[in-house]
Amino acid sequence: MNLEGCSILLTGASGGLGSAIAEALAAKGAHLALAGRRRDALDTLARRLRTLPSQIHIVEGDITDSTQRHDMVETARQQLGGIDILINNAGAMEFTLYAEQEPATIERLLQTNLLGPMLLTRTVLPHLLAQGSGRVVNIGSTFGSIGFACFTSYSASKFGLRGFSEALRRELEGSGVGVTYVAPRAARTAINNGAVMAMAREVKMNMDPPQVVAQAVVRALQQDRDEAYVGFPESVFARLNALLPRLVDRALRGQNAVMRRYAQS
């Protein structure tokens, strides 16, 4: 896919990963509708990106709200003259013991990471099908292939997003609309609090700058890929876990003990 001139609705654009994805796409000449809840951060990002060969628009809204989802899509379509690509990047995470996690937080994680993207896709999809072309990109995680201790709700939401991507891709075969699932390993963004960063240092967790993930998203779009797993050896372990999960259980046992200690602190 040639990204120059493509009309893209990007959610979670005001976050660290979202802003990196936006910059990488704008550098390729894509036209962007930057969606998010923080207007000030979106304004700052838009001012920076308008120096690049791209049209930049702002769509303020919350993907977990049905009315706002509809308004976001309609506003983006008007601003861009249509939508060619939807990138579901908005996400939330909490590092804690599941037995101590607030039920409201569990609901928020699932709403933001799974139900919001599913329902936003449902809103955009008829337009893509009517034009007979387009692509939905879901930003997942290695945690969507390997369930990690103390990230139980987050892992569950990303497992669901991976399954949604796979099923929808099969359903849309032959329609001209593709589905891409991108699974980064941990990224150095503000979504990771101090406890996560301290734990990551102790277990020597690999973490990528957001620009690395953004370039992976761009390559996946340019190559019309169905899936892209970012980072070695995490990409191998994601596949190994599907085949030999008990082997991965043993490999993670020591790390799990460290994670539980930091999650309790």
C-alpha atoms as a PDB file:
ATOM      1  CA  MET A   1       0.000   0.000   0.000  1.00  0.00           C
ATOM      2  CA  ASN A   2       1.228   3.456  -0.895  1.00  0.00           C
ATOM      3  CA  LEU A   3       0.600   5.639   2.153  1.00  0.00           C
ATOM      4  CA  GLU A   4       0.959   8.962   0.357  1.00  0.00           C
ATOM      5  CA  GLY A   5      -2.454  10.595   0.293  1.00  0.00           C
ATOM      6  CA  CYS A   6      -4.104   7.835   2.351  1.00  0.00           C
ATOM      7  CA  SER A   7      -6.771   9.039   4.788  1.00  0.00           C
ATOM      8  CA  ILE A   8      -6.137   7.550   8.229  1.00  0.00           C
ATOM      9  CA  LEU A   9      -8.087   7.740  11.490  1.00  0.00           C
ATOM     10  CA  LEU A  10      -5.641   7.095  14.340  1.00  0.00           C
ATOM     11  CA  THR A  11      -6.907   6.630  17.904  1.00  0.00           C
ATOM     12  CA  GLY A  12      -4.797   7.190  20.989  1.00  0.00           C
ATOM     13  CA  ALA A  13      -2.849   9.767  18.999  1.00  0.00           C
ATOM     14  CA  SER A  14      -1.942  11.886  22.013  1.00  0.00           C
ATOM     15  CA  GLY A  15       0.007   9.102  23.753  1.00  0.00           C
ATOM     16  CA  GLY A  16       3.670   8.266  23.340  1.00  0.00           C
ATOM     17  CA  LEU A  17       3.138   5.433  20.885  1.00  0.00           C
ATOM     18  CA  GLY A  18       0.307   7.192  19.057  1.00  0.00           C
ATOM     19  CA  SER A  19       2.316  10.352  18.476  1.00  0.00           C
ATOM     20  CA  ALA A  20       5.242   8.300  17.123  1.00  0.00           C
ATOM     21  CA  ILE A  21       2.909   6.430  14.746  1.00  0.00           C
ATOM     22  CA  ALA A  22       1.375   9.738  13.639  1.00  0.00           C
ATOM     23  CA  GLU A  23       4.782  11.237  12.902  1.00  0.00           C
ATOM     24  CA  ALA A  24       5.917   8.180  10.928  1.00  0.00           C
ATOM     25  CA  LEU A  25       2.726   8.203   8.833  1.00  0.00           C
ATOM     26  CA  ALA A  26       2.816  11.960   8.254  1.00  0.00           C
ATOM     27  CA  ALA A  27       6.408  11.629   7.011  1.00  0.00           C
ATOM     28  CA  LYS A  28       5.060   9.268   4.325  1.00  0.00           C
ATOM     29  CA  GLY A  29       2.496  11.841   3.212  1.00  0.00           C
ATOM     30  CA  ALA A  30      -0.571  10.241   4.792  1.00  0.00           C
ATOM     31  CA  HIS A  31      -3.490  12.474   5.759  1.00  0.00           C
ATOM     32  CA  LEU A  32      -4.376  12.028   9.418  1.00  0.00           C
ATOM     33  CA  ALA A  33      -7.314  12.511  11.734  1.00  0.00           C
ATOM     34  CA  LEU A  34      -5.704  12.409  15.181  1.00  0.00           C
ATOM     35  CA  ALA A  35      -8.194  11.069  17.713  1.00  0.00           C
ATOM     36  CA  GLY A  36      -7.886  11.186  21.488  1.00  0.00           C
ATOM     37  CA  ARG A  37      -9.317  12.560  24.700  1.00  0.00           C
ATOM     38  CA  ARG A  38      -6.677  15.228  25.471  1.00  0.00           C
ATOM     39  CA  ARG A  39      -7.223  18.231  23.215  1.00  0.00           C
ATOM     40  CA  ASP A  40      -4.127  20.082  24.417  1.00  0.00           C
ATOM     41  CA  ALA A  41      -1.839  17.143  23.596  1.00  0.00           C
ATOM     42  CA  LEU A  42      -3.506  16.687  20.200  1.00  0.00           C
ATOM     43  CA  ASP A  43      -3.037  20.389  19.412  1.00  0.00           C
ATOM     44  CA  THR A  44       0.651  20.175  20.320  1.00  0.00           C
ATOM     45  CA  LEU A  45       1.155  17.103  18.149  1.00  0.00           C
ATOM     46  CA  ALA A  46      -0.749  18.641  15.228  1.00  0.00           C
ATOM     47  CA  ARG A  47       1.397  21.786  15.291  1.00  0.00           C
ATOM     48  CA  ARG A  48       4.542  19.651  15.117  1.00  0.00           C
ATOM     49  CA  LEU A  49       3.261  17.462  12.307  1.00  0.00           C
ATOM     50  CA  ARG A  50       2.053  20.305  10.108  1.00  0.00           C
ATOM     51  CA  THR A  51       5.659  20.896   9.063  1.00  0.00           C
ATOM     52  CA  LEU A  52       5.493  17.517   7.245  1.00  0.00           C
ATOM     53  CA  PRO A  53       3.897  16.813   3.826  1.00  0.00           C
ATOM     54  CA  SER A  54       0.569  15.782   5.283  1.00  0.00           C
ATOM     55  CA  GLN A  55      -2.908  17.049   6.093  1.00  0.00           C
ATOM     56  CA  ILE A  56      -3.462  16.982   9.867  1.00  0.00           C
ATOM     57  CA  HIS A  57      -6.841  17.167  11.586  1.00  0.00           C
ATOM     58  CA  ILE A  58      -7.975  16.692  15.182  1.00  0.00           C
ATOM     59  CA  VAL A  59     -10.879  14.549  16.382  1.00  0.00           C
ATOM     60  CA  GLU A  60     -11.464  14.829  20.107  1.00  0.00           C
ATOM     61  CA  GLY A  61     -13.397  11.950  21.649  1.00  0.00           C
ATOM     62  CA  ASP A  62     -13.539   8.820  23.775  1.00  0.00           C
ATOM     63  CA  ILE A  63     -13.778   5.457  21.997  1.00  0.00           C
ATOM     64  CA  THR A  64     -15.606   3.922  24.982  1.00  0.00           C
ATOM     65  CA  ASP A  65     -18.592   6.264  24.485  1.00  0.00           C
ATOM     66  CA  SER A  66     -21.048   5.228  21.755  1.00  0.00           C
ATOM     67  CA  THR A  67     -22.114   8.755  20.794  1.00  0.00           C
ATOM     68  CA  GLN A  68     -18.541  10.009  20.692  1.00  0.00           C
ATOM     69  CA  ARG A  69     -17.452   7.018  18.589  1.00  0.00           C
ATOM     70  CA  HIS A  70     -20.046   7.838  15.958  1.00  0.00           C
ATOM     71  CA  ASP A  71     -19.156  11.536  16.011  1.00  0.00           C
ATOM     72  CA  MET A  72     -15.429  10.758  15.724  1.00  0.00           C
ATOM     73  CA  VAL A  73     -15.966   8.692  12.589  1.00  0.00           C
ATOM     74  CA  GLU A  74     -18.296  11.218  10.949  1.00  0.00           C
ATOM     75  CA  THR A  75     -15.966  14.123  11.779  1.00  0.00           C
ATOM     76  CA  ALA A  76     -12.937  12.247  10.428  1.00  0.00           C
ATOM     77  CA  ARG A  77     -14.784  11.336   7.210  1.00  0.00           C
ATOM     78  CA  GLN A  78     -15.730  14.979   6.664  1.00  0.00           C
ATOM     79  CA  GLN A  79     -12.245  16.263   7.433  1.00  0.00           C
ATOM     80  CA  LEU A  80     -10.426  13.699   5.322  1.00  0.00           C
ATOM     81  CA  GLY A  81     -12.991  13.208   2.579  1.00  0.00           C
ATOM     82  CA  GLY A  82     -13.312   9.555   3.596  1.00  0.00           C
ATOM     83  CA  ILE A  83     -11.360   6.959   5.564  1.00  0.00           C
ATOM     84  CA  ASP A  84      -8.949   4.480   3.994  1.00  0.00           C
ATOM     85  CA  ILE A  85      -7.352   3.123   7.173  1.00  0.00           C
ATOM     86  CA  LEU A  86      -8.464   2.862  10.793  1.00  0.00           C
ATOM     87  CA  ILE A  87      -5.680   2.358  13.339  1.00  0.00           C
ATOM     88  CA  ASN A  88      -6.971   1.212  16.730  1.00  0.00           C
ATOM     89  CA  ASN A  89      -4.104   2.322  18.946  1.00  0.00           C
ATOM     90  CA  ALA A  90      -5.851   3.706  22.043  1.00  0.00           C
ATOM     91  CA  GLY A  91      -5.055   1.598  25.081  1.00  0.00           C
ATOM     92  CA  ALA A  92      -4.828   1.404  28.847  1.00  0.00           C
ATOM     93  CA  MET A  93      -2.804  -0.768  31.222  1.00  0.00           C
ATOM     94  CA  GLU A  94      -2.458  -1.493  34.935  1.00  0.00           C
ATOM     95  CA  PHE A  95       0.261  -3.514  36.678  1.00  0.00           C
ATOM     96  CA  THR A  96      -1.223  -5.136  39.769  1.00  0.00           C
ATOM     97  CA  LEU A  97      -2.259  -8.407  41.363  1.00  0.00           C
ATOM     98  CA  TYR A  98      -5.569  -9.480  39.843  1.00  0.00           C
ATOM     99  CA  ALA A  99      -7.053 -10.322  43.266  1.00  0.00           C
ATOM    100  CA  GLU A 100      -6.490  -6.687  44.259  1.00  0.00           C
ATOM    101  CA  GLN A 101      -7.540  -5.002  41.020  1.00  0.00           C
ATOM    102  CA  GLU A 102     -10.636  -2.836  41.229  1.00  0.00           C
ATOM    103  CA  PRO A 103     -13.598  -4.203  39.226  1.00  0.00           C
ATOM    104  CA  ALA A 104     -14.071  -0.754  37.672  1.00  0.00           C
ATOM    105  CA  THR A 105     -10.485  -0.850  36.420  1.00  0.00           C
ATOM    106  CA  ILE A 106     -11.010  -4.277  34.857  1.00  0.00           C
ATOM    107  CA  GLU A 107     -14.060  -2.937  33.028  1.00  0.00           C
ATOM    108  CA  ARG A 108     -12.136   0.156  31.875  1.00  0.00           C
ATOM    109  CA  LEU A 109      -9.276  -1.928  30.486  1.00  0.00           C
ATOM    110  CA  LEU A 110     -11.613  -4.173  28.530  1.00  0.00           C
ATOM    111  CA  GLN A 111     -13.663  -1.229  27.285  1.00  0.00           C
ATOM    112  CA  THR A 112     -10.582   0.680  26.113  1.00  0.00           C
ATOM    113  CA  ASN A 113      -8.457  -2.160  24.759  1.00  0.00           C
ATOM    114  CA  LEU A 114     -11.087  -4.471  23.281  1.00  0.00           C
ATOM    115  CA  LEU A 115     -14.715  -3.321  23.148  1.00  0.00           C
ATOM    116  CA  GLY A 116     -13.866   0.242  22.078  1.00  0.00           C
ATOM    117  CA  PRO A 117     -11.740  -0.882  19.103  1.00  0.00           C
ATOM    118  CA  MET A 118     -14.311  -3.534  18.135  1.00  0.00           C
ATOM    119  CA  LEU A 119     -17.189  -1.065  18.165  1.00  0.00           C
ATOM    120  CA  LEU A 120     -15.215   1.695  16.440  1.00  0.00           C
ATOM    121  CA  THR A 121     -14.312  -0.808  13.728  1.00  0.00           C
ATOM    122  CA  ARG A 122     -18.000  -1.693  13.455  1.00  0.00           C
ATOM    123  CA  THR A 123     -18.747   1.997  12.862  1.00  0.00           C
ATOM    124  CA  VAL A 124     -16.059   2.450  10.185  1.00  0.00           C
ATOM    125  CA  LEU A 125     -16.422  -0.915   8.450  1.00  0.00           C
ATOM    126  CA  PRO A 126     -19.555  -0.212   6.353  1.00  0.00           C
ATOM    127  CA  HIS A 127     -17.756   2.738   4.739  1.00  0.00           C
ATOM    128  CA  LEU A 128     -14.702   0.626   3.909  1.00  0.00           C
ATOM    129  CA  LEU A 129     -16.877  -2.154   2.483  1.00  0.00           C
ATOM    130  CA  ALA A 130     -18.868   0.307   0.397  1.00  0.00           C
ATOM    131  CA  GLN A 131     -15.701   1.598  -1.253  1.00  0.00           C
ATOM    132  CA  GLY A 132     -14.323  -1.939  -1.618  1.00  0.00           C
ATOM    133  CA  SER A 133     -10.948  -1.120  -0.111  1.00  0.00           C
ATOM    134  CA  GLY A 134      -9.244  -0.170   3.116  1.00  0.00           C
ATOM    135  CA  ARG A 135      -7.581  -1.641   6.152  1.00  0.00           C
ATOM    136  CA  VAL A 136      -8.131  -1.922   9.892  1.00  0.00           C
ATOM    137  CA  VAL A 137      -4.968  -1.999  12.013  1.00  0.00           C
ATOM    138  CA  ASN A 138      -5.214  -3.202  15.601  1.00  0.00           C
ATOM    139  CA  ILE A 139      -2.266  -2.431  17.866  1.00  0.00           C
ATOM    140  CA  GLY A 140      -1.985  -5.423  20.155  1.00  0.00           C
ATOM    141  CA  SER A 141       0.924  -6.665  22.230  1.00  0.00           C
ATOM    142  CA  THR A 142       3.171  -9.618  22.931  1.00  0.00           C
ATOM    143  CA  PHE A 143       0.933  -9.792  26.022  1.00  0.00           C
ATOM    144  CA  GLY A 144      -1.849 -10.814  23.622  1.00  0.00           C
ATOM    145  CA  SER A 145       0.004 -14.052  22.886  1.00  0.00           C
ATOM    146  CA  ILE A 146       1.676 -14.684  26.252  1.00  0.00           C
ATOM    147  CA  GLY A 147      -0.316 -14.131  29.444  1.00  0.00           C
ATOM    148  CA  PHE A 148       1.923 -12.322  31.934  1.00  0.00           C
ATOM    149  CA  ALA A 149       1.519 -12.352  35.705  1.00  0.00           C
ATOM    150  CA  CYS A 150       0.235  -9.094  37.206  1.00  0.00           C
ATOM    151  CA  PHE A 151      -0.970  -7.964  33.778  1.00  0.00           C
ATOM    152  CA  THR A 152      -3.912 -10.352  33.774  1.00  0.00           C
ATOM    153  CA  SER A 153      -6.675  -7.980  32.642  1.00  0.00           C
ATOM    154  CA  TYR A 154      -4.395  -6.264  30.143  1.00  0.00           C
ATOM    155  CA  SER A 155      -3.300  -9.627  28.706  1.00  0.00           C
ATOM    156  CA  ALA A 156      -6.918 -10.781  28.461  1.00  0.00           C
ATOM    157  CA  SER A 157      -7.887  -7.646  26.547  1.00  0.00           C
ATOM    158  CA  LYS A 158      -5.018  -8.056  24.088  1.00  0.00           C
ATOM    159  CA  PHE A 159      -5.717 -11.783  23.631  1.00  0.00           C
ATOM    160  CA  GLY A 160      -9.250 -10.721  22.712  1.00  0.00           C
ATOM    161  CA  LEU A 161      -8.017  -8.083  20.267  1.00  0.00           C
ATOM    162  CA  ARG A 162      -5.804 -10.649  18.553  1.00  0.00           C
ATOM    163  CA  GLY A 163      -8.741 -13.055  18.225  1.00  0.00           C
ATOM    164  CA  PHE A 164     -10.978 -10.288  16.904  1.00  0.00           C
ATOM    165  CA  SER A 165      -8.370  -9.383  14.288  1.00  0.00           C
ATOM    166  CA  GLU A 166      -7.985 -12.979  13.136  1.00  0.00           C
ATOM    167  CA  ALA A 167     -11.706 -13.675  12.905  1.00  0.00           C
ATOM    168  CA  LEU A 168     -12.543 -10.406  11.145  1.00  0.00           C
ATOM    169  CA  ARG A 169      -9.709 -10.910   8.653  1.00  0.00           C
ATOM    170  CA  ARG A 170     -11.158 -14.270   7.675  1.00  0.00           C
ATOM    171  CA  GLU A 171     -14.661 -12.850   7.465  1.00  0.00           C
ATOM    172  CA  LEU A 172     -13.562 -10.015   5.164  1.00  0.00           C
ATOM    173  CA  GLU A 173     -11.516 -12.140   2.761  1.00  0.00           C
ATOM    174  CA  GLY A 174     -12.283 -11.108  -0.799  1.00  0.00           C
ATOM    175  CA  SER A 175     -13.956  -7.842   0.226  1.00  0.00           C
ATOM    176  CA  GLY A 176     -10.956  -5.607  -0.485  1.00  0.00           C
ATOM    177  CA  VAL A 177     -10.725  -4.698   3.211  1.00  0.00           C
ATOM    178  CA  GLY A 178      -7.767  -6.104   5.150  1.00  0.00           C
ATOM    179  CA  VAL A 179      -7.033  -6.472   8.849  1.00  0.00           C
ATOM    180  CA  THR A 180      -3.549  -6.106  10.334  1.00  0.00           C
ATOM    181  CA  TYR A 181      -2.581  -7.054  13.874  1.00  0.00           C
ATOM    182  CA  VAL A 182       0.641  -5.470  15.173  1.00  0.00           C
ATOM    183  CA  ALA A 183       2.097  -6.925  18.385  1.00  0.00           C
ATOM    184  CA  PRO A 184       4.902  -4.860  19.911  1.00  0.00           C
ATOM    185  CA  ARG A 185       6.868  -5.963  22.940  1.00  0.00           C
ATOM    186  CA  ALA A 186       7.127  -3.441  25.789  1.00  0.00           C
ATOM    187  CA  ALA A 187       7.684   0.142  24.638  1.00  0.00           C
ATOM    188  CA  ARG A 188       9.233   3.039  26.548  1.00  0.00           C
ATOM    189  CA  THR A 189       6.166   5.224  26.953  1.00  0.00           C
ATOM    190  CA  ALA A 190       4.284   6.866  29.807  1.00  0.00           C
ATOM    191  CA  ILE A 191       1.830   3.944  29.948  1.00  0.00           C
ATOM    192  CA  ASN A 192       4.500   2.207  32.057  1.00  0.00           C
ATOM    193  CA  ASN A 193       4.631   3.583  35.602  1.00  0.00           C
ATOM    194  CA  GLY A 194       7.620   3.570  37.957  1.00  0.00           C
ATOM    195  CA  ALA A 195       6.895   0.086  39.315  1.00  0.00           C
ATOM    196  CA  VAL A 196       6.754  -1.356  35.795  1.00  0.00           C
ATOM    197  CA  MET A 197      10.028   0.288  34.824  1.00  0.00           C
ATOM    198  CA  ALA A 198      11.774  -0.914  37.992  1.00  0.00           C
ATOM    199  CA  MET A 199      10.492  -4.450  37.453  1.00  0.00           C
ATOM    200  CA  ALA A 200      11.526  -4.340  33.800  1.00  0.00           C
ATOM    201  CA  ARG A 201      15.070  -3.380  34.756  1.00  0.00           C
ATOM    202  CA  GLU A 202      15.377  -6.207  37.269  1.00  0.00           C
ATOM    203  CA  VAL A 203      14.086  -8.929  34.918  1.00  0.00           C
ATOM    204  CA  LYS A 204      15.999  -7.385  31.994  1.00  0.00           C
ATOM    205  CA  MET A 205      12.832  -6.937  29.955  1.00  0.00           C
ATOM    206  CA  ASN A 206      13.486  -5.712  26.417  1.00  0.00           C
ATOM    207  CA  MET A 207      11.829  -2.372  25.695  1.00  0.00           C
ATOM    208  CA  ASP A 208      11.716  -0.475  22.410  1.00  0.00           C
ATOM    209  CA  PRO A 209      11.456   3.262  21.822  1.00  0.00           C
ATOM    210  CA  PRO A 210       8.024   4.097  20.371  1.00  0.00           C
ATOM    211  CA  GLN A 211       9.648   5.076  17.066  1.00  0.00           C
ATOM    212  CA  VAL A 212      10.658   1.422  16.507  1.00  0.00           C
ATOM    213  CA  VAL A 213       7.053   0.306  16.872  1.00  0.00           C
ATOM    214  CA  ALA A 214       5.852   3.152  14.653  1.00  0.00           C
ATOM    215  CA  GLN A 215       8.179   2.075  11.848  1.00  0.00           C
ATOM    216  CA  ALA A 216       6.898  -1.502  12.212  1.00  0.00           C
ATOM    217  CA  VAL A 217       3.342  -0.214  11.742  1.00  0.00           C
ATOM    218  CA  VAL A 218       4.374   1.707   8.628  1.00  0.00           C
ATOM    219  CA  ARG A 219       6.118  -1.352   7.151  1.00  0.00           C
ATOM    220  CA  ALA A 220       3.118  -3.578   7.894  1.00  0.00           C
ATOM    221  CA  LEU A 221       0.846  -1.150   6.040  1.00  0.00           C
ATOM    222  CA  GLN A 222       3.196  -0.734   3.093  1.00  0.00           C
ATOM    223  CA  GLN A 223       3.505  -4.515   2.762  1.00  0.00           C
ATOM    224  CA  ASP A 224      -0.213  -5.228   3.372  1.00  0.00           C
ATOM    225  CA  ARG A 225       0.752  -7.646   6.129  1.00  0.00           C
ATOM    226  CA  ASP A 226      -1.812  -9.535   8.192  1.00  0.00           C
ATOM    227  CA  GLU A 227       0.413  -9.687  11.286  1.00  0.00           C
ATOM    228  CA  ALA A 228       3.594  -8.081  12.540  1.00  0.00           C
ATOM    229  CA  TYR A 229       5.342  -9.120  15.750  1.00  0.00           C
ATOM    230  CA  VAL A 230       7.938  -6.618  16.923  1.00  0.00           C
ATOM    231  CA  GLY A 231      11.101  -7.668  18.738  1.00  0.00           C
ATOM    232  CA  PHE A 232      13.280 -10.750  19.138  1.00  0.00           C
ATOM    233  CA  PRO A 233      13.123 -13.123  21.001  1.00  0.00           C
ATOM    234  CA  GLU A 234       9.613 -12.077  22.110  1.00  0.00           C
ATOM    235  CA  SER A 235       8.185 -12.758  18.651  1.00  0.00           C
ATOM    236  CA  VAL A 236       9.491 -16.341  18.873  1.00  0.00           C
ATOM    237  CA  PHE A 237       8.173 -16.870  22.404  1.00  0.00           C
ATOM    238  CA  ALA A 238       4.730 -15.646  21.295  1.00  0.00           C
ATOM    239  CA  ARG A 239       4.551 -18.485  18.805  1.00  0.00           C
ATOM    240  CA  LEU A 240       6.161 -20.976  21.178  1.00  0.00           C
ATOM    241  CA  ASN A 241       3.533 -20.225  23.814  1.00  0.00           C
ATOM    242  CA  ALA A 242       0.810 -21.282  21.372  1.00  0.00           C
ATOM    243  CA  LEU A 243       2.493 -24.648  20.848  1.00  0.00           C
ATOM    244  CA  LEU A 244       4.152 -25.415  24.196  1.00  0.00           C
ATOM    245  CA  PRO A 245       2.631 -23.211  26.899  1.00  0.00           C
ATOM    246  CA  ARG A 246       3.916 -25.369  29.781  1.00  0.00           C
ATOM    247  CA  LEU A 247       7.464 -24.845  28.543  1.00  0.00           C
ATOM    248  CA  VAL A 248       6.889 -21.079  28.699  1.00  0.00           C
ATOM    249  CA  ASP A 249       5.371 -21.527  32.187  1.00  0.00           C
ATOM    250  CA  ARG A 250       8.687 -22.902  33.393  1.00  0.00           C
ATOM    251  CA  ALA A 251      10.713 -20.235  31.616  1.00  0.00           C
ATOM    252  CA  LEU A 252       8.688 -17.439  33.265  1.00  0.00           C
ATOM    253  CA  ARG A 253       8.557 -18.881  36.784  1.00  0.00           C
ATOM    254  CA  GLY A 254      11.431 -16.822  38.163  1.00  0.00           C
ATOM    255  CA  GLN A 255      10.257 -13.664  36.418  1.00  0.00           C
ATOM    256  CA  ASN A 256       6.737 -14.114  37.791  1.00  0.00           C
ATOM    257  CA  ALA A 257       8.036 -14.022  41.365  1.00  0.00           C
ATOM    258  CA  VAL A 258       9.792 -10.708  40.693  1.00  0.00           C
ATOM    259  CA  MET A 259       6.692  -9.277  39.033  1.00  0.00           C
ATOM    260  CA  ARG A 260       4.498 -10.215  41.970  1.00  0.00           C
ATOM    261  CA  ARG A 261       6.909  -8.485  44.348  1.00  0.00           C
ATOM    262  CA  TYR A 262       6.811  -5.215  42.410  1.00  0.00           C
ATOM    263  CA  ALA A 263       3.041  -5.413  41.901  1.00  0.00           C
ATOM    264  CA  GLN A 264       2.573  -5.592  45.674  1.00  0.00           C
ATOM    265  CA  SER A 265       4.915  -2.703  46.470  1.00  0.00           C
END
